[in-house]
Every structure is written in C-alpha cells, then in structure tokens.
Amino acid sequence: MNKKQMYQHIMANMADDADVVSFCNKEIEMLEKKNVKKTNPEVEKYRSYVLALVQANPNEVFTSKKVADSLGGSSRKAAIHLKYLADNGDIVRHEDKKNITYTLQ
C-alpha cells in the first residue's frame, strides 16, 4: 500500500469527518504534484536540435564531439542528450571498445 492508497483508505473509513477528508485530499494533491516533472524549455530545445541534426544526416555517424561542434556547447552536454534520445528509441547507440557513436538507424 502506497501513501496515496493509504490516504484514500483513511478517507473511505472516516468519510464523516470533514477535517480528515480535507487533510487527506491535500496530502494526495501534494503527492501528485510531486510526481510531475518539470523540463527546462532550453533542454527540450537543444534536444530537438540534436535530433534534427541526426535526422538531417541519416547516413552519418555522430559522436558527442561532432554534435557539440555542430550545435555549440560541450561534448558532455551533447552526450547527455544523445543518450536520452537513444534511450527513448529516437536514435540508435553503437558502442565499441573506444567510442560511442549514434546513428538514426
């Protein structure tokens, strides 16, 4: 039983006490608000630029350094976004002994 279920159970068993129901509703709202992830618009913008770059050159192999040189920023920043896109299935990650590269397919 998680916290939300616990508060719902308390509300069901103590429906006649308005203060308890109000308290439980506020706690449930806070739990739901905590789960909402806020994404920085600049992060989404850079990520979309990375994806557009890879999609514009479908036969090319990309490294984080190559993306950083093309779009600006550090290779670490590019690597984070490339990994995110690969984890979401938008691009494909290839690893060998020394390098990590990314392609559209």
C-alpha atoms as a PDB file:
ATOM      1  CA  MET A   1       0.000   0.000   0.000  1.00  0.00           C
ATOM      2  CA  ASN A   2       1.485   3.335  -1.040  1.00  0.00           C
ATOM      3  CA  LYS A   3       0.754   6.720   0.554  1.00  0.00           C
ATOM      4  CA  LYS A   4      -1.962   7.652  -1.906  1.00  0.00           C
ATOM      5  CA  GLN A   5      -3.798   4.381  -1.288  1.00  0.00           C
ATOM      6  CA  MET A   6      -3.379   4.844   2.451  1.00  0.00           C
ATOM      7  CA  TYR A   7      -4.963   8.329   2.346  1.00  0.00           C
ATOM      8  CA  GLN A   8      -7.783   7.028   0.159  1.00  0.00           C
ATOM      9  CA  HIS A   9      -8.398   4.225   2.660  1.00  0.00           C
ATOM     10  CA  ILE A  10      -8.465   6.698   5.552  1.00  0.00           C
ATOM     11  CA  MET A  11     -10.911   8.911   3.640  1.00  0.00           C
ATOM     12  CA  ALA A  12     -13.186   5.942   2.916  1.00  0.00           C
ATOM     13  CA  ASN A  13     -13.249   4.847   6.566  1.00  0.00           C
ATOM     14  CA  MET A  14     -13.591   8.343   8.035  1.00  0.00           C
ATOM     15  CA  ALA A  15     -15.873   9.959   5.437  1.00  0.00           C
ATOM     16  CA  ASP A  16     -17.999  11.515   8.195  1.00  0.00           C
ATOM     17  CA  ASP A  17     -15.100  13.670   9.494  1.00  0.00           C
ATOM     18  CA  ALA A  18     -14.697  16.635   7.111  1.00  0.00           C
ATOM     19  CA  ASP A  19     -11.328  17.689   8.564  1.00  0.00           C
ATOM     20  CA  VAL A  20      -9.796  14.267   7.952  1.00  0.00           C
ATOM     21  CA  VAL A  21     -11.165  14.135   4.402  1.00  0.00           C
ATOM     22  CA  SER A  22      -9.840  17.620   3.677  1.00  0.00           C
ATOM     23  CA  PHE A  23      -6.423  16.720   5.095  1.00  0.00           C
ATOM     24  CA  CYS A  24      -6.259  13.523   3.029  1.00  0.00           C
ATOM     25  CA  ASN A  25      -7.245  15.373  -0.153  1.00  0.00           C
ATOM     26  CA  LYS A  26      -4.475  17.928   0.407  1.00  0.00           C
ATOM     27  CA  GLU A  27      -1.931  15.179   1.010  1.00  0.00           C
ATOM     28  CA  ILE A  28      -2.982  13.342  -2.156  1.00  0.00           C
ATOM     29  CA  GLU A  29      -2.711  16.586  -4.164  1.00  0.00           C
ATOM     30  CA  MET A  30       0.806  17.165  -2.827  1.00  0.00           C
ATOM     31  CA  LEU A  31       1.806  13.609  -3.739  1.00  0.00           C
ATOM     32  CA  GLU A  32       0.505  14.040  -7.289  1.00  0.00           C
ATOM     33  CA  LYS A  33       2.136  17.446  -7.667  1.00  0.00           C
ATOM     34  CA  LYS A  34       5.478  15.982  -6.575  1.00  0.00           C
ATOM     35  CA  ASN A  35       5.337  13.399  -9.375  1.00  0.00           C
ATOM     36  CA  VAL A  36       5.002  15.987 -12.139  1.00  0.00           C
ATOM     37  CA  LYS A  37       8.391  16.502 -13.786  1.00  0.00           C
ATOM     38  CA  LYS A  38       9.246  19.963 -14.984  1.00  0.00           C
ATOM     39  CA  THR A  39      11.505  20.121 -18.020  1.00  0.00           C
ATOM     40  CA  ASN A  40      13.503  23.184 -18.824  1.00  0.00           C
ATOM     41  CA  PRO A  41      12.428  24.572 -22.229  1.00  0.00           C
ATOM     42  CA  GLU A  42      16.068  25.172 -23.191  1.00  0.00           C
ATOM     43  CA  VAL A  43      16.838  21.498 -22.583  1.00  0.00           C
ATOM     44  CA  GLU A  44      13.966  20.451 -24.854  1.00  0.00           C
ATOM     45  CA  LYS A  45      15.080  22.956 -27.492  1.00  0.00           C
ATOM     46  CA  TYR A  46      18.677  21.679 -27.540  1.00  0.00           C
ATOM     47  CA  ARG A  47      17.439  18.066 -27.577  1.00  0.00           C
ATOM     48  CA  SER A  48      15.241  18.817 -30.583  1.00  0.00           C
ATOM     49  CA  TYR A  49      18.234  20.403 -32.357  1.00  0.00           C
ATOM     50  CA  VAL A  50      20.279  17.266 -31.726  1.00  0.00           C
ATOM     51  CA  LEU A  51      17.514  15.064 -33.106  1.00  0.00           C
ATOM     52  CA  ALA A  52      17.040  17.339 -36.132  1.00  0.00           C
ATOM     53  CA  LEU A  53      20.783  17.205 -36.846  1.00  0.00           C
ATOM     54  CA  VAL A  54      20.823  13.413 -36.780  1.00  0.00           C
ATOM     55  CA  GLN A  55      17.648  13.174 -38.872  1.00  0.00           C
ATOM     56  CA  ALA A  56      19.015  15.624 -41.444  1.00  0.00           C
ATOM     57  CA  ASN A  57      22.040  13.366 -41.988  1.00  0.00           C
ATOM     58  CA  PRO A  58      20.614   9.823 -41.829  1.00  0.00           C
ATOM     59  CA  ASN A  59      23.691   8.067 -43.241  1.00  0.00           C
ATOM     60  CA  GLU A  60      26.168   9.828 -40.977  1.00  0.00           C
ATOM     61  CA  VAL A  61      27.672   8.525 -37.737  1.00  0.00           C
ATOM     62  CA  PHE A  62      27.679  11.003 -34.845  1.00  0.00           C
ATOM     63  CA  THR A  63      29.794  11.305 -31.733  1.00  0.00           C
ATOM     64  CA  SER A  64      29.137  13.713 -28.899  1.00  0.00           C
ATOM     65  CA  LYS A  65      32.099  15.823 -30.025  1.00  0.00           C
ATOM     66  CA  LYS A  66      30.737  16.076 -33.553  1.00  0.00           C
ATOM     67  CA  VAL A  67      27.311  17.155 -32.304  1.00  0.00           C
ATOM     68  CA  ALA A  68      28.862  19.668 -29.900  1.00  0.00           C
ATOM     69  CA  ASP A  69      30.968  21.151 -32.695  1.00  0.00           C
ATOM     70  CA  SER A  70      27.903  21.439 -34.931  1.00  0.00           C
ATOM     71  CA  LEU A  71      25.482  22.879 -32.389  1.00  0.00           C
ATOM     72  CA  GLY A  72      27.730  24.510 -29.837  1.00  0.00           C
ATOM     73  CA  GLY A  73      28.028  23.569 -26.213  1.00  0.00           C
ATOM     74  CA  SER A  74      30.207  20.962 -24.596  1.00  0.00           C
ATOM     75  CA  SER A  75      30.615  17.379 -25.712  1.00  0.00           C
ATOM     76  CA  ARG A  76      29.311  16.311 -22.284  1.00  0.00           C
ATOM     77  CA  LYS A  77      26.078  18.209 -22.874  1.00  0.00           C
ATOM     78  CA  ALA A  78      25.733  16.636 -26.322  1.00  0.00           C
ATOM     79  CA  ALA A  79      26.448  13.170 -24.889  1.00  0.00           C
ATOM     80  CA  ILE A  80      23.681  13.539 -22.306  1.00  0.00           C
ATOM     81  CA  HIS A  81      21.142  14.477 -24.970  1.00  0.00           C
ATOM     82  CA  LEU A  82      22.304  11.767 -27.372  1.00  0.00           C
ATOM     83  CA  LYS A  83      21.957   9.172 -24.623  1.00  0.00           C
ATOM     84  CA  TYR A  84      18.472  10.431 -23.761  1.00  0.00           C
ATOM     85  CA  LEU A  85      17.387  10.206 -27.399  1.00  0.00           C
ATOM     86  CA  ALA A  86      18.870   6.715 -27.693  1.00  0.00           C
ATOM     87  CA  ASP A  87      17.098   5.560 -24.526  1.00  0.00           C
ATOM     88  CA  ASN A  88      13.800   6.846 -25.964  1.00  0.00           C
ATOM     89  CA  GLY A  89      14.385   4.967 -29.212  1.00  0.00           C
ATOM     90  CA  ASP A  90      14.696   8.058 -31.421  1.00  0.00           C
ATOM     91  CA  ILE A  91      18.256   7.202 -32.428  1.00  0.00           C
ATOM     92  CA  VAL A  92      20.490   4.136 -32.116  1.00  0.00           C
ATOM     93  CA  ARG A  93      23.542   3.898 -29.874  1.00  0.00           C
ATOM     94  CA  HIS A  94      26.585   1.889 -31.017  1.00  0.00           C
ATOM     95  CA  GLU A  95      29.430   1.022 -28.655  1.00  0.00           C
ATOM     96  CA  ASP A  96      32.851  -0.312 -29.493  1.00  0.00           C
ATOM     97  CA  LYS A  97      35.990  -0.540 -27.375  1.00  0.00           C
ATOM     98  CA  LYS A  98      36.898   3.147 -27.584  1.00  0.00           C
ATOM     99  CA  ASN A  99      33.954   5.110 -28.936  1.00  0.00           C
ATOM    100  CA  ILE A 100      30.249   5.524 -28.537  1.00  0.00           C
ATOM    101  CA  THR A 101      28.547   6.591 -31.733  1.00  0.00           C
ATOM    102  CA  TYR A 102      24.962   7.327 -32.691  1.00  0.00           C
ATOM    103  CA  THR A 103      23.021   6.888 -35.904  1.00  0.00           C
ATOM    104  CA  LEU A 104      19.446   7.351 -36.992  1.00  0.00           C
ATOM    105  CA  GLN A 105      19.043   3.608 -37.593  1.00  0.00           C
END
